[in-house]
Structures are given as C-alpha cells and as structure tokens.
Amino acid sequence: MVGGGHMSYENILVDQQDRVGIITLNRPDVLNALSLQLVTEVNQAVNDMEVDENVGAIIVTGAGERAFSAGADIHENREFSPEQRNSSQDKRAEYTWHMATSSKPIIGAINGLCYGGGTVMATSLDFLVGCEKSSFRFLAVNYGQMNATWSLPMLVGINKAKELLYSGREVFADEAYHLGLINHLFDSNQLMDKTIEIASGIAKNRAQGVANIKQMVTEHIGEPLRDQFQAEVEARKGRFKGLSVEDGFSDFLARKGRKPKATK
C-alpha cells in the first residue's frame, strides 16, 4: 500500500486500490480548506506515488459529503506575516505546477463544492470526474486577485473561461459537464468506484508511455498544429521512441505465431 515507510500525514489520507493511488483531502470540518501543511502533504504524497512502480495513476478527492475543497485557509493566511504569506504563495505555486506536470496522471474526483484555491488545484489536474454535488466558483476576482487564467481556458475555451473568471459565479454539475470542466458525471454514490475504474484503465498501460504522452501534450499546447505534429514525429524517433515491435506486441506475436521474414 502507498504510504508505507513514508512521512505520516495529518491532513490527508493515502490509500491504494490495485494500481491506483488515492489522496483524500482530510479536513472535512473546514470543508477541506487548503492549509499550507495540507498542500505540502499532497505534494509529498504525489512525489511518493511518482516513484512507486506499483502506482500507474492517482486520484485526488475530498473527505466528507460537502466539499472537494472550499479553497485556501483564510484564517491561516490572516495569521501569516507578509514574509510568511509570500513564502506560502511561492510554495503553493511550486506544488500546483508539480501536480500539473506530474509524471503520473492525476484525476480529480469532485465530490462536492470546489471553490477558490480548490479550483486552482482541480484545474491543474489531468481531468475531472464529478457528481450531482459538484460545483465550482473561481473566486479570486472577488478579492481583486486572479487564478486559473492559465488552466481554465484549456478546459472550457477562452470565452467561457473569461465569463467564469470575471464573474466568480457558481457553476453547477450539469453545466460543468456540458462545458467540459468535468469529463464524466456520475451519481455521488458511484463517484469513487467509477473514478477508480477510469484510473485503472489508464494505470494498466505502460507507465512511461502515459508519461510521454502527458509531457508532449503539456509541452506543445498552443503551438501551431503543424509544429505539434512535427514534434510528435521527432519524439517518436528520439526521446520517446518507445518499445520495439517485438516488445510492444509480444503477446499478439506469441498468439499468432508467425515468424519474421528472413532478411537478405
């Protein structure tokens, strides 16, 4: 099981089902508010899972019936000195980018409301799965700030992203699904089982192949289509060459039994 021999956690739960690692934000009494310690623990858990060969995909969800995360821990932020606040912001940015670029795919299971900093975490993940309790609010504009300007447009398109970021209005489950903010919409009683099923379908594949695809997509977002195509062609020849035909299709070749033609 993931977590054996690693640091102990106070604000998250870590579990594993088959090849799927599960991280649960575990401060339900404050709607899983993202304290600095909590996001530090999430970052460490992702680190551990990235190097664990028995984990092929990761799920992040929230504890309790109400929230994935209500966002940043406002009480903690208020108590920080300006220096502590700046340091905290730098660490949070580092951890967010780590999740976005993790070598293992990370799926969000949005079990309830997802507000403010929670939306920053959620939209940095590879994709989201929701339920009828899922809702989103991009609240930074209410405080004269900004976030998710880099991630939300990739999910819902630039014009819709502008509306949601400018207004801070609530987006409920049905609209989130139709916008593409969440990939799948399930009954809340099935949310984790279905998300694990989806993650397992990814985790059964060759981990390096999944990591290579994620890196290519992330690196070349926004480039002209021809450049994206050429980058893939070159990567297949070089750094992301992958397995040989014999290794990649060994099961198929063993079943069919046809021997390669002799070369002259």
C-alpha atoms as a PDB file:
ATOM      1  CA  MET A   1       0.000   0.000   0.000  1.00  0.00           C
ATOM      2  CA  VAL A   2       1.161   3.538  -0.788  1.00  0.00           C
ATOM      3  CA  GLY A   3       2.377   5.387   2.262  1.00  0.00           C
ATOM      4  CA  GLY A   4       4.287   2.552   3.898  1.00  0.00           C
ATOM      5  CA  GLY A   5       7.588   3.903   5.169  1.00  0.00           C
ATOM      6  CA  HIS A   6       6.744   7.450   4.109  1.00  0.00           C
ATOM      7  CA  MET A   7       6.082  10.507   6.260  1.00  0.00           C
ATOM      8  CA  SER A   8       2.957  10.421   8.408  1.00  0.00           C
ATOM      9  CA  TYR A   9       0.137  12.684   7.298  1.00  0.00           C
ATOM     10  CA  GLU A  10      -2.175  14.783   9.437  1.00  0.00           C
ATOM     11  CA  ASN A  11      -4.301  16.465   6.778  1.00  0.00           C
ATOM     12  CA  ILE A  12      -4.662  13.864   4.037  1.00  0.00           C
ATOM     13  CA  LEU A  13      -5.446  10.179   3.739  1.00  0.00           C
ATOM     14  CA  VAL A  14      -3.469   7.968   1.366  1.00  0.00           C
ATOM     15  CA  ASP A  15      -4.705   4.656   0.007  1.00  0.00           C
ATOM     16  CA  GLN A  16      -4.230   2.400  -2.988  1.00  0.00           C
ATOM     17  CA  GLN A  17      -6.578   0.151  -4.957  1.00  0.00           C
ATOM     18  CA  ASP A  18      -4.786  -2.072  -7.436  1.00  0.00           C
ATOM     19  CA  ARG A  19      -2.515   0.327  -9.368  1.00  0.00           C
ATOM     20  CA  VAL A  20      -4.425   3.471  -8.425  1.00  0.00           C
ATOM     21  CA  GLY A  21      -3.136   5.745  -5.665  1.00  0.00           C
ATOM     22  CA  ILE A  22      -5.800   7.766  -3.835  1.00  0.00           C
ATOM     23  CA  ILE A  23      -5.172  11.038  -1.973  1.00  0.00           C
ATOM     24  CA  THR A  24      -8.046  12.369   0.125  1.00  0.00           C
ATOM     25  CA  LEU A  25      -8.006  15.953   1.416  1.00  0.00           C
ATOM     26  CA  ASN A  26      -8.974  15.297   5.022  1.00  0.00           C
ATOM     27  CA  ARG A  27     -10.150  18.451   6.786  1.00  0.00           C
ATOM     28  CA  PRO A  28     -13.910  17.967   6.381  1.00  0.00           C
ATOM     29  CA  ASP A  29     -14.726  20.134   9.419  1.00  0.00           C
ATOM     30  CA  VAL A  30     -13.440  23.175   7.448  1.00  0.00           C
ATOM     31  CA  LEU A  31     -14.570  21.930   4.012  1.00  0.00           C
ATOM     32  CA  ASN A  32     -11.051  20.658   3.268  1.00  0.00           C
ATOM     33  CA  ALA A  33      -9.559  24.145   3.300  1.00  0.00           C
ATOM     34  CA  LEU A  34      -6.089  24.127   1.775  1.00  0.00           C
ATOM     35  CA  SER A  35      -3.721  24.930   4.603  1.00  0.00           C
ATOM     36  CA  LEU A  36      -0.030  25.109   3.774  1.00  0.00           C
ATOM     37  CA  GLN A  37       0.553  21.845   5.638  1.00  0.00           C
ATOM     38  CA  LEU A  38      -2.205  20.104   3.666  1.00  0.00           C
ATOM     39  CA  VAL A  39      -0.854  21.097   0.243  1.00  0.00           C
ATOM     40  CA  THR A  40       2.665  20.219   1.398  1.00  0.00           C
ATOM     41  CA  GLU A  41       1.435  16.750   2.326  1.00  0.00           C
ATOM     42  CA  VAL A  42      -0.353  16.383  -1.033  1.00  0.00           C
ATOM     43  CA  ASN A  43       2.870  17.316  -2.806  1.00  0.00           C
ATOM     44  CA  GLN A  44       4.821  14.720  -0.807  1.00  0.00           C
ATOM     45  CA  ALA A  45       2.224  12.034  -1.498  1.00  0.00           C
ATOM     46  CA  VAL A  46       2.394  12.758  -5.225  1.00  0.00           C
ATOM     47  CA  ASN A  47       6.200  12.533  -5.014  1.00  0.00           C
ATOM     48  CA  ASP A  48       5.944   9.135  -3.345  1.00  0.00           C
ATOM     49  CA  MET A  49       3.457   7.837  -5.902  1.00  0.00           C
ATOM     50  CA  GLU A  50       5.519   9.070  -8.842  1.00  0.00           C
ATOM     51  CA  VAL A  51       8.427   6.833  -7.845  1.00  0.00           C
ATOM     52  CA  ASP A  52       6.235   3.876  -6.853  1.00  0.00           C
ATOM     53  CA  GLU A  53       6.216   1.356  -9.716  1.00  0.00           C
ATOM     54  CA  ASN A  54       3.005  -0.146  -8.336  1.00  0.00           C
ATOM     55  CA  VAL A  55       1.090   3.085  -8.958  1.00  0.00           C
ATOM     56  CA  GLY A  56       0.041   3.920 -12.507  1.00  0.00           C
ATOM     57  CA  ALA A  57      -2.486   6.693 -11.864  1.00  0.00           C
ATOM     58  CA  ILE A  58      -3.527   8.961  -8.989  1.00  0.00           C
ATOM     59  CA  ILE A  59      -6.915  10.215  -7.776  1.00  0.00           C
ATOM     60  CA  VAL A  60      -7.412  13.293  -5.580  1.00  0.00           C
ATOM     61  CA  THR A  61     -10.739  13.746  -3.772  1.00  0.00           C
ATOM     62  CA  GLY A  62     -12.159  15.368  -0.644  1.00  0.00           C
ATOM     63  CA  ALA A  63     -13.331  13.896   2.660  1.00  0.00           C
ATOM     64  CA  GLY A  64     -16.909  14.322   3.775  1.00  0.00           C
ATOM     65  CA  GLU A  65     -20.203  14.867   1.971  1.00  0.00           C
ATOM     66  CA  ARG A  66     -19.954  18.569   1.209  1.00  0.00           C
ATOM     67  CA  ALA A  67     -16.666  19.611  -0.349  1.00  0.00           C
ATOM     68  CA  PHE A  68     -13.727  18.735  -2.521  1.00  0.00           C
ATOM     69  CA  SER A  69     -12.206  21.938  -1.148  1.00  0.00           C
ATOM     70  CA  ALA A  70     -13.580  25.347  -0.234  1.00  0.00           C
ATOM     71  CA  GLY A  71     -10.213  26.883  -1.141  1.00  0.00           C
ATOM     72  CA  ALA A  72      -7.379  28.461   0.813  1.00  0.00           C
ATOM     73  CA  ASP A  73      -7.369  28.501   4.610  1.00  0.00           C
ATOM     74  CA  ILE A  74      -8.270  32.165   5.141  1.00  0.00           C
ATOM     75  CA  HIS A  75      -7.701  32.046   8.909  1.00  0.00           C
ATOM     76  CA  GLU A  76      -4.190  30.705   8.397  1.00  0.00           C
ATOM     77  CA  ASN A  77      -3.423  33.323   5.752  1.00  0.00           C
ATOM     78  CA  ARG A  78      -4.601  36.106   8.035  1.00  0.00           C
ATOM     79  CA  GLU A  79      -2.225  34.960  10.775  1.00  0.00           C
ATOM     80  CA  PHE A  80       0.814  34.832   8.482  1.00  0.00           C
ATOM     81  CA  SER A  81       3.288  37.694   8.394  1.00  0.00           C
ATOM     82  CA  PRO A  82       3.859  39.283   4.960  1.00  0.00           C
ATOM     83  CA  GLU A  83       7.065  37.257   4.638  1.00  0.00           C
ATOM     84  CA  GLN A  84       5.296  34.034   5.565  1.00  0.00           C
ATOM     85  CA  ARG A  85       2.468  34.824   3.149  1.00  0.00           C
ATOM     86  CA  ASN A  86       4.895  35.371   0.273  1.00  0.00           C
ATOM     87  CA  SER A  87       6.761  32.168   1.101  1.00  0.00           C
ATOM     88  CA  SER A  88       3.475  30.267   1.278  1.00  0.00           C
ATOM     89  CA  GLN A  89       2.386  31.582  -2.112  1.00  0.00           C
ATOM     90  CA  ASP A  90       5.680  30.522  -3.676  1.00  0.00           C
ATOM     91  CA  LYS A  91       5.377  27.019  -2.245  1.00  0.00           C
ATOM     92  CA  ARG A  92       1.758  26.691  -3.354  1.00  0.00           C
ATOM     93  CA  ALA A  93       2.709  27.728  -6.880  1.00  0.00           C
ATOM     94  CA  GLU A  94       5.504  25.151  -6.915  1.00  0.00           C
ATOM     95  CA  TYR A  95       3.161  22.411  -5.697  1.00  0.00           C
ATOM     96  CA  THR A  96       0.443  23.340  -8.193  1.00  0.00           C
ATOM     97  CA  TRP A  97       2.890  23.130 -11.087  1.00  0.00           C
ATOM     98  CA  HIS A  98       4.148  19.795  -9.800  1.00  0.00           C
ATOM     99  CA  MET A  99       0.615  18.396  -9.917  1.00  0.00           C
ATOM    100  CA  ALA A 100       0.072  19.776 -13.413  1.00  0.00           C
ATOM    101  CA  THR A 101       3.274  18.202 -14.707  1.00  0.00           C
ATOM    102  CA  SER A 102       3.422  15.047 -12.588  1.00  0.00           C
ATOM    103  CA  SER A 103       4.797  12.040 -14.444  1.00  0.00           C
ATOM    104  CA  LYS A 104       1.723  10.078 -13.322  1.00  0.00           C
ATOM    105  CA  PRO A 105      -1.744  11.187 -14.466  1.00  0.00           C
ATOM    106  CA  ILE A 106      -3.796  12.767 -11.663  1.00  0.00           C
ATOM    107  CA  ILE A 107      -7.602  12.686 -11.796  1.00  0.00           C
ATOM    108  CA  GLY A 108      -9.844  14.808  -9.600  1.00  0.00           C
ATOM    109  CA  ALA A 109     -12.947  13.164  -8.125  1.00  0.00           C
ATOM    110  CA  ILE A 110     -15.004  16.250  -7.293  1.00  0.00           C
ATOM    111  CA  ASN A 111     -17.284  15.072  -4.510  1.00  0.00           C
ATOM    112  CA  GLY A 112     -18.781  18.444  -3.594  1.00  0.00           C
ATOM    113  CA  LEU A 113     -18.154  22.169  -3.816  1.00  0.00           C
ATOM    114  CA  CYS A 114     -14.850  23.296  -5.280  1.00  0.00           C
ATOM    115  CA  TYR A 115     -14.171  26.989  -4.670  1.00  0.00           C
ATOM    116  CA  GLY A 116     -11.272  29.418  -4.920  1.00  0.00           C
ATOM    117  CA  GLY A 117      -7.959  27.678  -4.380  1.00  0.00           C
ATOM    118  CA  GLY A 118      -9.759  24.372  -4.734  1.00  0.00           C
ATOM    119  CA  THR A 119     -10.468  25.246  -8.373  1.00  0.00           C
ATOM    120  CA  VAL A 120      -6.785  26.034  -8.880  1.00  0.00           C
ATOM    121  CA  MET A 121      -5.868  22.573  -7.640  1.00  0.00           C
ATOM    122  CA  ALA A 122      -8.677  20.899  -9.605  1.00  0.00           C
ATOM    123  CA  THR A 123      -7.973  22.579 -12.945  1.00  0.00           C
ATOM    124  CA  SER A 124      -4.269  21.752 -12.660  1.00  0.00           C
ATOM    125  CA  LEU A 125      -5.110  18.038 -12.745  1.00  0.00           C
ATOM    126  CA  ASP A 126      -5.261  15.950 -15.910  1.00  0.00           C
ATOM    127  CA  PHE A 127      -9.063  15.803 -15.882  1.00  0.00           C
ATOM    128  CA  LEU A 128     -12.020  15.786 -13.501  1.00  0.00           C
ATOM    129  CA  VAL A 129     -14.874  13.427 -12.715  1.00  0.00           C
ATOM    130  CA  GLY A 130     -17.943  14.847 -10.987  1.00  0.00           C
ATOM    131  CA  CYS A 131     -21.294  14.067  -9.402  1.00  0.00           C
ATOM    132  CA  GLU A 132     -24.556  15.911  -8.754  1.00  0.00           C
ATOM    133  CA  LYS A 133     -22.922  17.583  -5.713  1.00  0.00           C
ATOM    134  CA  SER A 134     -20.064  19.066  -7.754  1.00  0.00           C
ATOM    135  CA  SER A 135     -19.981  22.836  -8.134  1.00  0.00           C
ATOM    136  CA  PHE A 136     -17.252  25.352  -8.927  1.00  0.00           C
ATOM    137  CA  ARG A 137     -16.565  29.009  -8.144  1.00  0.00           C
ATOM    138  CA  PHE A 138     -13.473  30.857  -9.351  1.00  0.00           C
ATOM    139  CA  LEU A 139     -13.499  33.397  -6.540  1.00  0.00           C
ATOM    140  CA  ALA A 140     -10.209  35.275  -6.911  1.00  0.00           C
ATOM    141  CA  VAL A 141     -11.879  38.175  -8.711  1.00  0.00           C
ATOM    142  CA  ASN A 142     -13.942  38.887  -5.573  1.00  0.00           C
ATOM    143  CA  TYR A 143     -10.693  39.718  -3.758  1.00  0.00           C
ATOM    144  CA  GLY A 144      -9.090  41.682  -6.568  1.00  0.00           C
ATOM    145  CA  GLN A 145      -6.825  38.748  -7.392  1.00  0.00           C
ATOM    146  CA  MET A 146      -6.566  36.138 -10.152  1.00  0.00           C
ATOM    147  CA  ASN A 147      -6.003  32.445 -10.586  1.00  0.00           C
ATOM    148  CA  ALA A 148      -6.680  29.648 -13.085  1.00  0.00           C
ATOM    149  CA  THR A 149      -6.110  32.053 -16.006  1.00  0.00           C
ATOM    150  CA  TRP A 150      -3.612  29.504 -17.376  1.00  0.00           C
ATOM    151  CA  SER A 151      -5.642  26.340 -16.783  1.00  0.00           C
ATOM    152  CA  LEU A 152      -9.367  27.070 -17.166  1.00  0.00           C
ATOM    153  CA  PRO A 153      -9.242  28.276 -20.817  1.00  0.00           C
ATOM    154  CA  MET A 154      -7.746  24.923 -21.815  1.00  0.00           C
ATOM    155  CA  LEU A 155     -10.772  23.156 -20.344  1.00  0.00           C
ATOM    156  CA  VAL A 156     -13.729  25.306 -21.364  1.00  0.00           C
ATOM    157  CA  GLY A 157     -12.400  27.653 -24.072  1.00  0.00           C
ATOM    158  CA  ILE A 158     -11.227  31.216 -23.728  1.00  0.00           C
ATOM    159  CA  ASN A 159     -14.590  32.985 -23.939  1.00  0.00           C
ATOM    160  CA  LYS A 160     -16.339  30.847 -21.331  1.00  0.00           C
ATOM    161  CA  ALA A 161     -13.256  30.986 -19.123  1.00  0.00           C
ATOM    162  CA  LYS A 162     -13.379  34.778 -19.222  1.00  0.00           C
ATOM    163  CA  GLU A 163     -17.005  34.756 -18.111  1.00  0.00           C
ATOM    164  CA  LEU A 164     -16.354  32.422 -15.179  1.00  0.00           C
ATOM    165  CA  LEU A 165     -13.158  34.194 -14.094  1.00  0.00           C
ATOM    166  CA  TYR A 166     -14.672  37.685 -14.437  1.00  0.00           C
ATOM    167  CA  SER A 167     -17.897  36.852 -12.582  1.00  0.00           C
ATOM    168  CA  GLY A 168     -16.936  34.295  -9.955  1.00  0.00           C
ATOM    169  CA  ARG A 169     -20.419  32.811 -10.314  1.00  0.00           C
ATOM    170  CA  GLU A 170     -21.213  29.251  -9.313  1.00  0.00           C
ATOM    171  CA  VAL A 171     -21.106  26.522 -11.936  1.00  0.00           C
ATOM    172  CA  PHE A 172     -23.204  23.502 -11.021  1.00  0.00           C
ATOM    173  CA  ALA A 173     -22.644  19.915 -12.100  1.00  0.00           C
ATOM    174  CA  ASP A 174     -24.739  19.793 -15.287  1.00  0.00           C
ATOM    175  CA  GLU A 175     -23.251  22.989 -16.685  1.00  0.00           C
ATOM    176  CA  ALA A 176     -19.731  21.931 -15.667  1.00  0.00           C
ATOM    177  CA  TYR A 177     -20.199  18.684 -17.578  1.00  0.00           C
ATOM    178  CA  HIS A 178     -21.519  20.365 -20.706  1.00  0.00           C
ATOM    179  CA  LEU A 179     -18.717  22.941 -20.609  1.00  0.00           C
ATOM    180  CA  GLY A 180     -16.069  20.229 -20.454  1.00  0.00           C
ATOM    181  CA  LEU A 181     -14.932  21.249 -16.981  1.00  0.00           C
ATOM    182  CA  ILE A 182     -15.645  17.670 -15.880  1.00  0.00           C
ATOM    183  CA  ASN A 183     -15.242  14.692 -18.209  1.00  0.00           C
ATOM    184  CA  HIS A 184     -17.783  12.376 -16.598  1.00  0.00           C
ATOM    185  CA  LEU A 185     -20.827  12.922 -14.377  1.00  0.00           C
ATOM    186  CA  PHE A 186     -21.921  10.110 -12.053  1.00  0.00           C
ATOM    187  CA  ASP A 187     -24.216   9.665  -9.087  1.00  0.00           C
ATOM    188  CA  SER A 188     -22.361  10.620  -5.914  1.00  0.00           C
ATOM    189  CA  ASN A 189     -22.744   7.066  -4.591  1.00  0.00           C
ATOM    190  CA  GLN A 190     -20.774   5.807  -7.585  1.00  0.00           C
ATOM    191  CA  LEU A 191     -18.246   8.608  -7.890  1.00  0.00           C
ATOM    192  CA  MET A 192     -15.215   6.895  -6.376  1.00  0.00           C
ATOM    193  CA  ASP A 193     -15.915   3.472  -7.870  1.00  0.00           C
ATOM    194  CA  LYS A 194     -16.313   4.962 -11.348  1.00  0.00           C
ATOM    195  CA  THR A 195     -13.268   7.199 -10.986  1.00  0.00           C
ATOM    196  CA  ILE A 196     -11.170   4.246  -9.841  1.00  0.00           C
ATOM    197  CA  GLU A 197     -12.454   2.297 -12.845  1.00  0.00           C
ATOM    198  CA  ILE A 198     -11.367   5.087 -15.189  1.00  0.00           C
ATOM    199  CA  ALA A 199      -7.996   5.445 -13.462  1.00  0.00           C
ATOM    200  CA  SER A 200      -7.445   1.681 -13.583  1.00  0.00           C
ATOM    201  CA  GLY A 201      -7.978   1.747 -17.342  1.00  0.00           C
ATOM    202  CA  ILE A 202      -5.092   4.206 -17.570  1.00  0.00           C
ATOM    203  CA  ALA A 203      -2.901   2.533 -14.957  1.00  0.00           C
ATOM    204  CA  LYS A 204      -2.862  -0.790 -16.812  1.00  0.00           C
ATOM    205  CA  ASN A 205      -0.928   0.791 -19.664  1.00  0.00           C
ATOM    206  CA  ARG A 206       2.828   1.172 -19.812  1.00  0.00           C
ATOM    207  CA  ALA A 207       3.611   3.976 -17.348  1.00  0.00           C
ATOM    208  CA  GLN A 208       6.352   5.510 -19.474  1.00  0.00           C
ATOM    209  CA  GLY A 209       4.062   5.671 -22.478  1.00  0.00           C
ATOM    210  CA  VAL A 210       1.410   7.563 -20.486  1.00  0.00           C
ATOM    211  CA  ALA A 211       4.061   9.899 -19.068  1.00  0.00           C
ATOM    212  CA  ASN A 212       5.451  10.589 -22.550  1.00  0.00           C
ATOM    213  CA  ILE A 213       2.008  11.463 -23.911  1.00  0.00           C
ATOM    214  CA  LYS A 214       1.329  13.800 -20.988  1.00  0.00           C
ATOM    215  CA  GLN A 215       4.669  15.532 -21.458  1.00  0.00           C
ATOM    216  CA  MET A 216       4.120  16.007 -25.184  1.00  0.00           C
ATOM    217  CA  VAL A 217       0.632  17.434 -24.731  1.00  0.00           C
ATOM    218  CA  THR A 218       1.782  19.768 -21.948  1.00  0.00           C
ATOM    219  CA  GLU A 219       4.889  20.988 -23.754  1.00  0.00           C
ATOM    220  CA  HIS A 220       3.198  21.808 -27.048  1.00  0.00           C
ATOM    221  CA  ILE A 221      -0.177  23.263 -26.039  1.00  0.00           C
ATOM    222  CA  GLY A 222      -0.959  26.330 -28.131  1.00  0.00           C
ATOM    223  CA  GLU A 223       1.639  25.707 -30.820  1.00  0.00           C
ATOM    224  CA  PRO A 224       0.585  25.658 -34.486  1.00  0.00           C
ATOM    225  CA  LEU A 225      -0.873  22.284 -35.499  1.00  0.00           C
ATOM    226  CA  ARG A 226       1.970  21.557 -37.905  1.00  0.00           C
ATOM    227  CA  ASP A 227       4.523  22.187 -35.159  1.00  0.00           C
ATOM    228  CA  GLN A 228       2.666  19.853 -32.809  1.00  0.00           C
ATOM    229  CA  PHE A 229       2.585  17.173 -35.472  1.00  0.00           C
ATOM    230  CA  GLN A 230       6.282  17.535 -36.245  1.00  0.00           C
ATOM    231  CA  ALA A 231       7.169  17.458 -32.543  1.00  0.00           C
ATOM    232  CA  GLU A 232       5.404  14.105 -32.237  1.00  0.00           C
ATOM    233  CA  VAL A 233       7.134  12.717 -35.331  1.00  0.00           C
ATOM    234  CA  GLU A 234      10.550  13.705 -33.977  1.00  0.00           C
ATOM    235  CA  ALA A 235       9.761  12.458 -30.447  1.00  0.00           C
ATOM    236  CA  ARG A 236       8.750   9.037 -31.779  1.00  0.00           C
ATOM    237  CA  LYS A 237      12.181   8.763 -33.402  1.00  0.00           C
ATOM    238  CA  GLY A 238      14.142  10.099 -30.450  1.00  0.00           C
ATOM    239  CA  ARG A 239      13.460  10.703 -26.785  1.00  0.00           C
ATOM    240  CA  PHE A 240      10.050   8.965 -26.791  1.00  0.00           C
ATOM    241  CA  LYS A 241      10.985   6.149 -29.129  1.00  0.00           C
ATOM    242  CA  GLY A 242       9.110   3.524 -27.116  1.00  0.00           C
ATOM    243  CA  LEU A 243       9.273  -0.233 -27.409  1.00  0.00           C
ATOM    244  CA  SER A 244      10.258  -2.248 -30.462  1.00  0.00           C
ATOM    245  CA  VAL A 245       7.537  -4.086 -32.386  1.00  0.00           C
ATOM    246  CA  GLU A 246       8.706  -7.358 -30.815  1.00  0.00           C
ATOM    247  CA  ASP A 247       8.492  -5.986 -27.263  1.00  0.00           C
ATOM    248  CA  GLY A 248       5.392  -3.855 -27.685  1.00  0.00           C
ATOM    249  CA  PHE A 249       3.314  -6.569 -29.371  1.00  0.00           C
ATOM    250  CA  SER A 250       4.889  -9.631 -27.746  1.00  0.00           C
ATOM    251  CA  ASP A 251       1.543 -11.119 -26.638  1.00  0.00           C
ATOM    252  CA  PHE A 252      -0.012 -10.654 -30.072  1.00  0.00           C
ATOM    253  CA  LEU A 253       3.003 -12.119 -31.863  1.00  0.00           C
ATOM    254  CA  ALA A 254       3.118 -15.068 -29.467  1.00  0.00           C
ATOM    255  CA  ARG A 255      -0.546 -15.857 -30.145  1.00  0.00           C
ATOM    256  CA  LYS A 256      -0.289 -15.546 -33.914  1.00  0.00           C
ATOM    257  CA  GLY A 257       2.984 -17.426 -34.085  1.00  0.00           C
ATOM    258  CA  ARG A 258       4.075 -16.025 -37.455  1.00  0.00           C
ATOM    259  CA  LYS A 259       7.837 -15.761 -37.643  1.00  0.00           C
ATOM    260  CA  PRO A 260       9.515 -12.705 -39.161  1.00  0.00           C
ATOM    261  CA  LYS A 261      10.675 -12.985 -42.744  1.00  0.00           C
ATOM    262  CA  ALA A 262      14.356 -13.703 -43.183  1.00  0.00           C
ATOM    263  CA  THR A 263      16.377 -10.696 -44.270  1.00  0.00           C
ATOM    264  CA  LYS A 264      18.824 -10.950 -47.100  1.00  0.00           C
END
